[in-house]
PDB file of N, CA and C in Angstrom:
ATOM      1  N   MET A   1       7.571 117.832 -88.661  1.00  0.00           N
ATOM      2  CA  MET A   1       6.467 117.686 -87.299  1.00  0.00           C
ATOM      3  C   MET A   1       6.613 116.474 -86.794  1.00  0.00           C
ATOM      4  N   GLY A   2       6.519 116.304 -85.652  1.00  0.00           N
ATOM      5  CA  GLY A   2       6.668 115.034 -84.861  1.00  0.00           C
ATOM      6  C   GLY A   2       5.301 114.157 -84.691  1.00  0.00           C
ATOM      7  N   ASN A   3       5.083 113.783 -83.709  1.00  0.00           N
ATOM      8  CA  ASN A   3       3.914 113.043 -83.649  1.00  0.00           C
ATOM      9  C   ASN A   3       2.315 113.554 -82.975  1.00  0.00           C
ATOM     10  N   VAL A   4       3.207 114.809 -82.511  1.00  0.00           N
ATOM     11  CA  VAL A   4       2.135 115.978 -82.403  1.00  0.00           C
ATOM     12  C   VAL A   4       2.103 117.184 -82.657  1.00  0.00           C
ATOM     13  N   ASP A   5       1.106 117.768 -82.938  1.00  0.00           N
ATOM     14  CA  ASP A   5       1.429 119.129 -83.638  1.00  0.00           C
ATOM     15  C   ASP A   5       0.340 119.926 -83.069  1.00  0.00           C
ATOM     16  N   ILE A   6       0.679 121.189 -82.148  1.00  0.00           N
ATOM     17  CA  ILE A   6      -0.499 121.757 -81.100  1.00  0.00           C
ATOM     18  C   ILE A   6       0.018 123.388 -82.089  1.00  0.00           C
ATOM     19  N   LYS A   7      -1.225 123.983 -82.417  1.00  0.00           N
ATOM     20  CA  LYS A   7      -1.253 125.311 -82.810  1.00  0.00           C
ATOM     21  C   LYS A   7      -3.134 125.849 -82.349  1.00  0.00           C
ATOM     22  N   LYS A   8      -2.696 126.978 -82.548  1.00  0.00           N
ATOM     23  CA  LYS A   8      -3.991 127.960 -82.508  1.00  0.00           C
ATOM     24  C   LYS A   8      -4.676 128.358 -83.793  1.00  0.00           C
ATOM     25  N   LEU A   9      -6.038 127.969 -83.839  1.00  0.00           N
ATOM     26  CA  LEU A   9      -6.647 128.497 -85.116  1.00  0.00           C
ATOM     27  C   LEU A   9      -7.864 129.634 -84.623  1.00  0.00           C
ATOM     28  N   SER A  10      -7.690 130.255 -85.939  1.00  0.00           N
ATOM     29  CA  SER A  10      -8.676 131.529 -85.723  1.00  0.00           C
ATOM     30  C   SER A  10     -10.131 131.258 -85.760  1.00  0.00           C
ATOM     31  N   ASP A  11     -10.897 131.901 -85.696  1.00  0.00           N
ATOM     32  CA  ASP A  11     -12.493 131.448 -85.630  1.00  0.00           C
ATOM     33  C   ASP A  11     -13.020 131.089 -87.013  1.00  0.00           C
ATOM     34  N   GLU A  12     -12.195 132.302 -87.961  1.00  0.00           N
ATOM     35  CA  GLU A  12     -12.250 132.001 -89.032  1.00  0.00           C
ATOM     36  C   GLU A  12     -12.444 130.293 -89.689  1.00  0.00           C
ATOM     37  N   GLU A  13     -11.041 130.106 -88.970  1.00  0.00           N
ATOM     38  CA  GLU A  13     -10.437 128.970 -89.315  1.00  0.00           C
ATOM     39  C   GLU A  13     -11.567 127.623 -88.969  1.00  0.00           C
ATOM     40  N   VAL A  14     -12.013 127.971 -87.713  1.00  0.00           N
ATOM     41  CA  VAL A  14     -12.572 126.748 -86.994  1.00  0.00           C
ATOM     42  C   VAL A  14     -13.474 126.643 -87.819  1.00  0.00           C
ATOM     43  N   LYS A  15     -14.384 127.803 -88.301  1.00  0.00           N
ATOM     44  CA  LYS A  15     -15.541 127.699 -88.928  1.00  0.00           C
ATOM     45  C   LYS A  15     -15.623 127.145 -90.141  1.00  0.00           C
ATOM     46  N   ASN A  16     -14.197 127.887 -91.073  1.00  0.00           N
ATOM     47  CA  ASN A  16     -14.278 126.923 -92.338  1.00  0.00           C
ATOM     48  C   ASN A  16     -13.784 125.627 -92.254  1.00  0.00           C
ATOM     49  N   ARG A  17     -13.123 125.214 -91.445  1.00  0.00           N
ATOM     50  CA  ARG A  17     -12.762 123.810 -91.259  1.00  0.00           C
ATOM     51  C   ARG A  17     -14.472 122.730 -90.924  1.00  0.00           C
ATOM     52  N   GLY A  18     -15.008 123.291 -90.476  1.00  0.00           N
ATOM     53  CA  GLY A  18     -16.692 122.427 -90.004  1.00  0.00           C
ATOM     54  C   GLY A  18     -16.065 122.148 -88.646  1.00  0.00           C
ATOM     55  N   ILE A  19     -15.096 122.510 -87.968  1.00  0.00           N
ATOM     56  CA  ILE A  19     -14.950 121.865 -86.480  1.00  0.00           C
ATOM     57  C   ILE A  19     -15.791 121.555 -85.846  1.00  0.00           C
ATOM     58  N   LEU A  20     -16.921 122.459 -85.718  1.00  0.00           N
ATOM     59  CA  LEU A  20     -17.770 122.697 -84.455  1.00  0.00           C
ATOM     60  C   LEU A  20     -18.907 121.590 -85.152  1.00  0.00           C
ATOM     61  N   GLU A  21     -18.837 121.407 -86.462  1.00  0.00           N
ATOM     62  CA  GLU A  21     -19.802 120.014 -86.410  1.00  0.00           C
ATOM     63  C   GLU A  21     -19.557 118.728 -85.928  1.00  0.00           C
ATOM     64  N   TRP A  22     -18.009 118.445 -85.904  1.00  0.00           N
ATOM     65  CA  TRP A  22     -17.163 117.057 -85.399  1.00  0.00           C
ATOM     66  C   TRP A  22     -18.025 116.733 -84.394  1.00  0.00           C
ATOM     67  N   PRO A  23     -18.155 115.786 -83.622  1.00  0.00           N
ATOM     68  CA  PRO A  23     -18.490 114.883 -82.210  1.00  0.00           C
ATOM     69  C   PRO A  23     -17.788 115.409 -81.560  1.00  0.00           C
ATOM     70  N   ILE A  24     -18.066 115.251 -80.144  1.00  0.00           N
ATOM     71  CA  ILE A  24     -17.525 115.990 -78.909  1.00  0.00           C
ATOM     72  C   ILE A  24     -17.098 114.818 -78.054  1.00  0.00           C
ATOM     73  N   TRP A  25     -16.093 114.885 -77.392  1.00  0.00           N
ATOM     74  CA  TRP A  25     -15.693 113.638 -76.429  1.00  0.00           C
ATOM     75  C   TRP A  25     -15.259 114.321 -75.274  1.00  0.00           C
ATOM     76  N   GLU A  26     -15.972 113.700 -74.161  1.00  0.00           N
ATOM     77  CA  GLU A  26     -15.508 114.047 -72.993  1.00  0.00           C
ATOM     78  C   GLU A  26     -14.930 112.896 -71.911  1.00  0.00           C
ATOM     79  N   LYS A  27     -14.216 113.842 -71.197  1.00  0.00           N
ATOM     80  CA  LYS A  27     -13.534 112.767 -70.167  1.00  0.00           C
ATOM     81  C   LYS A  27     -13.047 113.388 -68.950  1.00  0.00           C
ATOM     82  N   GLU A  28     -13.294 112.524 -68.003  1.00  0.00           N
ATOM     83  CA  GLU A  28     -13.060 112.969 -66.419  1.00  0.00           C
ATOM     84  C   GLU A  28     -11.398 113.164 -66.216  1.00  0.00           C
ATOM     85  N   ILE A  29     -11.089 113.364 -64.680  1.00  0.00           N
ATOM     86  CA  ILE A  29      -9.601 113.414 -64.708  1.00  0.00           C
ATOM     87  C   ILE A  29      -9.356 112.319 -64.594  1.00  0.00           C
ATOM     88  N   SER A  30      -8.145 111.628 -65.477  1.00  0.00           N
ATOM     89  CA  SER A  30      -7.832 110.310 -65.164  1.00  0.00           C
ATOM     90  C   SER A  30      -6.113 110.383 -65.852  1.00  0.00           C
ATOM     91  N   ARG A  31      -5.756 108.836 -65.993  1.00  0.00           N
ATOM     92  CA  ARG A  31      -4.485 108.660 -66.786  1.00  0.00           C
ATOM     93  C   ARG A  31      -4.896 107.505 -66.927  1.00  0.00           C
ATOM     94  N   PHE A  32      -4.341 107.424 -68.701  1.00  0.00           N
ATOM     95  CA  PHE A  32      -4.250 106.286 -69.424  1.00  0.00           C
ATOM     96  C   PHE A  32      -3.774 105.711 -70.743  1.00  0.00           C
ATOM     97  N   GLU A  33      -2.837 105.101 -71.087  1.00  0.00           N
ATOM     98  CA  GLU A  33      -2.512 104.915 -72.261  1.00  0.00           C
ATOM     99  C   GLU A  33      -3.498 104.350 -73.416  1.00  0.00           C
ATOM    100  N   TRP A  34      -2.878 105.201 -74.883  1.00  0.00           N
ATOM    101  CA  TRP A  34      -3.811 105.218 -76.043  1.00  0.00           C
ATOM    102  C   TRP A  34      -2.602 104.929 -76.974  1.00  0.00           C
ATOM    103  N   GLU A  35      -3.276 104.148 -77.857  1.00  0.00           N
ATOM    104  CA  GLU A  35      -2.260 104.262 -79.360  1.00  0.00           C
ATOM    105  C   GLU A  35      -3.474 104.649 -80.572  1.00  0.00           C
ATOM    106  N   TYR A  36      -2.948 105.589 -81.331  1.00  0.00           N
ATOM    107  CA  TYR A  36      -3.613 106.128 -82.511  1.00  0.00           C
ATOM    108  C   TYR A  36      -3.718 104.901 -83.760  1.00  0.00           C
ATOM    109  N   ASP A  37      -4.566 104.350 -84.171  1.00  0.00           N
ATOM    110  CA  ASP A  37      -4.954 103.662 -85.280  1.00  0.00           C
ATOM    111  C   ASP A  37      -4.878 104.312 -86.392  1.00  0.00           C
ATOM    112  N   SER A  38      -5.508 105.902 -86.382  1.00  0.00           N
ATOM    113  CA  SER A  38      -5.284 106.896 -87.489  1.00  0.00           C
ATOM    114  C   SER A  38      -5.304 108.032 -86.981  1.00  0.00           C
ATOM    115  N   GLU A  39      -4.808 109.071 -88.087  1.00  0.00           N
ATOM    116  CA  GLU A  39      -4.712 110.086 -87.490  1.00  0.00           C
ATOM    117  C   GLU A  39      -5.637 111.323 -86.980  1.00  0.00           C
ATOM    118  N   GLU A  40      -5.636 111.630 -85.930  1.00  0.00           N
ATOM    119  CA  GLU A  40      -6.640 112.303 -85.047  1.00  0.00           C
ATOM    120  C   GLU A  40      -6.471 113.802 -85.263  1.00  0.00           C
ATOM    121  N   GLU A  41      -7.757 114.838 -85.330  1.00  0.00           N
ATOM    122  CA  GLU A  41      -7.491 116.087 -85.235  1.00  0.00           C
ATOM    123  C   GLU A  41      -8.211 116.397 -84.308  1.00  0.00           C
ATOM    124  N   CYS A  42      -8.109 117.608 -83.219  1.00  0.00           N
ATOM    125  CA  CYS A  42      -9.192 117.788 -82.304  1.00  0.00           C
ATOM    126  C   CYS A  42      -8.960 119.396 -81.965  1.00  0.00           C
ATOM    127  N   LEU A  43      -9.936 119.956 -81.468  1.00  0.00           N
ATOM    128  CA  LEU A  43      -9.941 121.062 -80.697  1.00  0.00           C
ATOM    129  C   LEU A  43     -10.480 121.248 -79.608  1.00  0.00           C
ATOM    130  N   ILE A  44      -9.868 121.328 -78.797  1.00  0.00           N
ATOM    131  CA  ILE A  44      -9.727 121.551 -77.400  1.00  0.00           C
ATOM    132  C   ILE A  44     -10.706 122.500 -76.588  1.00  0.00           C
ATOM    133  N   LEU A  45     -12.172 122.450 -76.227  1.00  0.00           N
ATOM    134  CA  LEU A  45     -13.009 123.056 -75.819  1.00  0.00           C
ATOM    135  C   LEU A  45     -12.811 123.658 -74.590  1.00  0.00           C
ATOM    136  N   ASP A  46     -12.367 122.428 -73.332  1.00  0.00           N
ATOM    137  CA  ASP A  46     -12.366 122.521 -71.854  1.00  0.00           C
ATOM    138  C   ASP A  46     -11.362 121.827 -71.421  1.00  0.00           C
ATOM    139  N   GLY A  47     -10.533 122.029 -70.753  1.00  0.00           N
ATOM    140  CA  GLY A  47      -9.661 121.063 -69.794  1.00  0.00           C
ATOM    141  C   GLY A  47      -8.310 121.529 -70.279  1.00  0.00           C
ATOM    142  N   GLU A  48      -7.454 120.467 -69.563  1.00  0.00           N
ATOM    143  CA  GLU A  48      -6.173 120.184 -69.644  1.00  0.00           C
ATOM    144  C   GLU A  48      -5.459 118.754 -69.326  1.00  0.00           C
ATOM    145  N   VAL A  49      -4.569 118.719 -70.200  1.00  0.00           N
ATOM    146  CA  VAL A  49      -4.136 117.269 -70.388  1.00  0.00           C
ATOM    147  C   VAL A  49      -2.499 117.340 -70.889  1.00  0.00           C
ATOM    148  N   THR A  50      -1.552 116.183 -70.338  1.00  0.00           N
ATOM    149  CA  THR A  50      -0.095 116.737 -70.578  1.00  0.00           C
ATOM    150  C   THR A  50      -0.428 114.951 -71.275  1.00  0.00           C
ATOM    151  N   VAL A  51       0.335 115.204 -72.369  1.00  0.00           N
ATOM    152  CA  VAL A  51       0.137 113.821 -73.413  1.00  0.00           C
ATOM    153  C   VAL A  51       1.428 113.449 -73.154  1.00  0.00           C
ATOM    154  N   GLU A  52       1.832 112.485 -72.651  1.00  0.00           N
ATOM    155  CA  GLU A  52       3.376 111.722 -72.290  1.00  0.00           C
ATOM    156  C   GLU A  52       3.440 110.960 -73.948  1.00  0.00           C
ATOM    157  N   THR A  53       4.689 111.123 -74.717  1.00  0.00           N
ATOM    158  CA  THR A  53       5.303 110.365 -75.571  1.00  0.00           C
ATOM    159  C   THR A  53       6.757 110.324 -75.432  1.00  0.00           C
ATOM    160  N   ASP A  54       7.275 109.123 -76.526  1.00  0.00           N
ATOM    161  CA  ASP A  54       8.544 108.997 -76.608  1.00  0.00           C
ATOM    162  C   ASP A  54       9.358 109.929 -76.427  1.00  0.00           C
ATOM    163  N   GLU A  55       8.969 111.341 -77.573  1.00  0.00           N
ATOM    164  CA  GLU A  55       9.612 112.197 -77.778  1.00  0.00           C
ATOM    165  C   GLU A  55       9.467 113.257 -77.204  1.00  0.00           C
ATOM    166  N   GLY A  56       8.632 113.278 -75.712  1.00  0.00           N
ATOM    167  CA  GLY A  56       8.579 113.850 -74.876  1.00  0.00           C
ATOM    168  C   GLY A  56       7.156 114.389 -74.501  1.00  0.00           C
ATOM    169  N   ASN A  57       6.919 115.244 -73.424  1.00  0.00           N
ATOM    170  CA  ASN A  57       5.476 115.364 -73.173  1.00  0.00           C
ATOM    171  C   ASN A  57       4.962 116.914 -73.861  1.00  0.00           C
ATOM    172  N   TYR A  58       3.474 116.974 -74.308  1.00  0.00           N
ATOM    173  CA  TYR A  58       3.139 117.825 -74.530  1.00  0.00           C
ATOM    174  C   TYR A  58       1.808 118.328 -73.479  1.00  0.00           C
ATOM    175  N   ASN A  59       2.135 119.763 -73.113  1.00  0.00           N
ATOM    176  CA  ASN A  59       0.890 120.436 -72.371  1.00  0.00           C
ATOM    177  C   ASN A  59      -0.219 120.989 -73.381  1.00  0.00           C
ATOM    178  N   ILE A  60      -1.280 120.600 -73.304  1.00  0.00           N
ATOM    179  CA  ILE A  60      -2.236 120.969 -74.528  1.00  0.00           C
ATOM    180  C   ILE A  60      -3.578 121.401 -73.092  1.00  0.00           C
ATOM    181  N   LYS A  61      -4.259 122.575 -73.789  1.00  0.00           N
ATOM    182  CA  LYS A  61      -5.300 123.501 -72.773  1.00  0.00           C
ATOM    183  C   LYS A  61      -6.329 123.742 -73.974  1.00  0.00           C
ATOM    184  N   ALA A  62      -7.205 123.737 -72.844  1.00  0.00           N
ATOM    185  CA  ALA A  62      -8.635 124.701 -74.072  1.00  0.00           C
ATOM    186  C   ALA A  62      -7.798 125.826 -74.809  1.00  0.00           C
ATOM    187  N   GLY A  63      -8.265 125.416 -75.850  1.00  0.00           N
ATOM    188  CA  GLY A  63      -8.024 126.629 -77.111  1.00  0.00           C
ATOM    189  C   GLY A  63      -6.866 125.682 -78.409  1.00  0.00           C
ATOM    190  N   ASP A  64      -6.169 125.252 -78.034  1.00  0.00           N
ATOM    191  CA  ASP A  64      -5.535 124.192 -78.641  1.00  0.00           C
ATOM    192  C   ASP A  64      -6.140 123.373 -80.034  1.00  0.00           C
ATOM    193  N   PHE A  65      -5.386 123.881 -80.988  1.00  0.00           N
ATOM    194  CA  PHE A  65      -5.852 122.542 -81.864  1.00  0.00           C
ATOM    195  C   PHE A  65      -4.737 121.610 -82.121  1.00  0.00           C
ATOM    196  N   VAL A  66      -4.993 120.149 -81.802  1.00  0.00           N
ATOM    197  CA  VAL A  66      -4.030 119.209 -82.153  1.00  0.00           C
ATOM    198  C   VAL A  66      -4.151 117.782 -82.942  1.00  0.00           C
ATOM    199  N   THR A  67      -3.109 117.501 -83.847  1.00  0.00           N
ATOM    200  CA  THR A  67      -3.056 116.582 -84.897  1.00  0.00           C
ATOM    201  C   THR A  67      -2.481 115.710 -84.086  1.00  0.00           C
ATOM    202  N   PHE A  68      -2.611 114.247 -83.657  1.00  0.00           N
ATOM    203  CA  PHE A  68      -2.084 112.994 -83.378  1.00  0.00           C
ATOM    204  C   PHE A  68      -1.995 112.221 -84.587  1.00  0.00           C
ATOM    205  N   GLN A  69      -0.626 111.862 -84.797  1.00  0.00           N
ATOM    206  CA  GLN A  69      -0.222 111.040 -85.856  1.00  0.00           C
ATOM    207  C   GLN A  69      -0.778 109.556 -85.757  1.00  0.00           C
ATOM    208  N   LYS A  70      -0.883 109.176 -86.671  1.00  0.00           N
ATOM    209  CA  LYS A  70      -1.402 107.829 -86.850  1.00  0.00           C
ATOM    210  C   LYS A  70      -0.176 106.926 -86.186  1.00  0.00           C
ATOM    211  N   GLY A  71      -0.151 105.687 -85.101  1.00  0.00           N
ATOM    212  CA  GLY A  71       0.770 104.909 -85.111  1.00  0.00           C
ATOM    213  C   GLY A  71       1.293 105.935 -83.391  1.00  0.00           C
ATOM    214  N   LEU A  72       0.892 106.453 -83.134  1.00  0.00           N
ATOM    215  CA  LEU A  72       1.650 107.061 -81.771  1.00  0.00           C
ATOM    216  C   LEU A  72       0.752 106.876 -80.389  1.00  0.00           C
ATOM    217  N   LYS A  73       1.776 106.302 -79.728  1.00  0.00           N
ATOM    218  CA  LYS A  73       1.645 105.286 -78.498  1.00  0.00           C
ATOM    219  C   LYS A  73       2.223 106.252 -77.180  1.00  0.00           C
ATOM    220  N   CYS A  74       0.913 107.046 -76.783  1.00  0.00           N
ATOM    221  CA  CYS A  74       1.049 107.843 -75.595  1.00  0.00           C
ATOM    222  C   CYS A  74       0.469 107.178 -74.491  1.00  0.00           C
ATOM    223  N   VAL A  75       0.629 108.307 -73.325  1.00  0.00           N
ATOM    224  CA  VAL A  75      -0.103 108.213 -72.065  1.00  0.00           C
ATOM    225  C   VAL A  75      -1.127 109.751 -72.119  1.00  0.00           C
ATOM    226  N   TRP A  76      -2.259 109.593 -71.887  1.00  0.00           N
ATOM    227  CA  TRP A  76      -2.924 110.980 -71.323  1.00  0.00           C
ATOM    228  C   TRP A  76      -3.055 111.114 -70.098  1.00  0.00           C
ATOM    229  N   ASP A  77      -2.763 111.920 -69.284  1.00  0.00           N
ATOM    230  CA  ASP A  77      -2.856 112.472 -68.115  1.00  0.00           C
ATOM    231  C   ASP A  77      -3.818 113.618 -68.155  1.00  0.00           C
ATOM    232  N   ILE A  78      -4.740 113.390 -67.959  1.00  0.00           N
ATOM    233  CA  ILE A  78      -6.046 114.316 -67.713  1.00  0.00           C
ATOM    234  C   ILE A  78      -5.885 115.208 -66.404  1.00  0.00           C
ATOM    235  N   LYS A  79      -5.462 116.429 -66.250  1.00  0.00           N
ATOM    236  CA  LYS A  79      -5.272 117.179 -65.069  1.00  0.00           C
ATOM    237  C   LYS A  79      -6.675 117.522 -64.565  1.00  0.00           C
ATOM    238  N   LYS A  80      -7.476 118.415 -65.779  1.00  0.00           N
ATOM    239  CA  LYS A  80      -8.882 119.297 -65.525  1.00  0.00           C
ATOM    240  C   LYS A  80      -9.402 118.449 -66.435  1.00  0.00           C
ATOM    241  N   PRO A  81     -10.810 118.159 -66.479  1.00  0.00           N
ATOM    242  CA  PRO A  81     -11.721 117.289 -67.217  1.00  0.00           C
ATOM    243  C   PRO A  81     -11.890 117.748 -68.827  1.00  0.00           C
ATOM    244  N   ILE A  82     -11.698 116.929 -69.683  1.00  0.00           N
ATOM    245  CA  ILE A  82     -11.739 117.242 -71.475  1.00  0.00           C
ATOM    246  C   ILE A  82     -12.527 117.559 -72.024  1.00  0.00           C
ATOM    247  N   ARG A  83     -12.910 118.409 -72.723  1.00  0.00           N
ATOM    248  CA  ARG A  83     -14.045 118.145 -73.477  1.00  0.00           C
ATOM    249  C   ARG A  83     -13.638 119.077 -75.184  1.00  0.00           C
ATOM    250  N   LYS A  84     -13.620 117.844 -76.075  1.00  0.00           N
ATOM    251  CA  LYS A  84     -13.012 118.392 -77.172  1.00  0.00           C
ATOM    252  C   LYS A  84     -13.733 118.151 -78.708  1.00  0.00           C
ATOM    253  N   HIS A  85     -13.693 118.672 -79.473  1.00  0.00           N
ATOM    254  CA  HIS A  85     -14.313 118.329 -80.929  1.00  0.00           C
ATOM    255  C   HIS A  85     -13.017 117.231 -81.625  1.00  0.00           C
ATOM    256  N   TYR A  86     -13.662 116.093 -82.394  1.00  0.00           N
ATOM    257  CA  TYR A  86     -12.404 115.645 -82.930  1.00  0.00           C
ATOM    258  C   TYR A  86     -12.897 114.883 -84.446  1.00  0.00           C
ATOM    259  N   ASN A  87     -12.208 114.124 -84.857  1.00  0.00           N
ATOM    260  CA  ASN A  87     -12.230 114.111 -86.036  1.00  0.00           C
ATOM    261  C   ASN A  87     -10.948 112.965 -86.547  1.00  0.00           C
ATOM    262  N   PHE A  88     -11.222 111.885 -86.807  1.00  0.00           N
ATOM    263  CA  PHE A  88     -10.521 111.092 -87.303  1.00  0.00           C
ATOM    264  C   PHE A  88     -10.264 110.454 -88.722  1.00  0.00           C
ATOM    265  N   LYS A  89      -8.924 110.685 -89.206  1.00  0.00           N
ATOM    266  CA  LYS A  89      -8.727 111.063 -90.812  1.00  0.00           C
ATOM    267  C   LYS A  89      -8.833 109.336 -91.532  1.00  0.00           C
TER     268      LYS A  89
END
């Protein structure tokens, strides 16, 4: 697995992991640099973003479950306003 892992979860997996209880983060269309100081898991509820990393670009959209590895340096290029459940490990 690279620095970014994207997959789809079933409704059952979302429920069993307690994801719907995680806090929600929202951000308007924008572009900014980010560095992860811990691993983050998130479920994208709405929106679309391209996350630019040294290993390539990742197109992330509503319905994606994403894990960002600790230490990842990237640029978030939000194309459509983002709303996500998130959890730092």
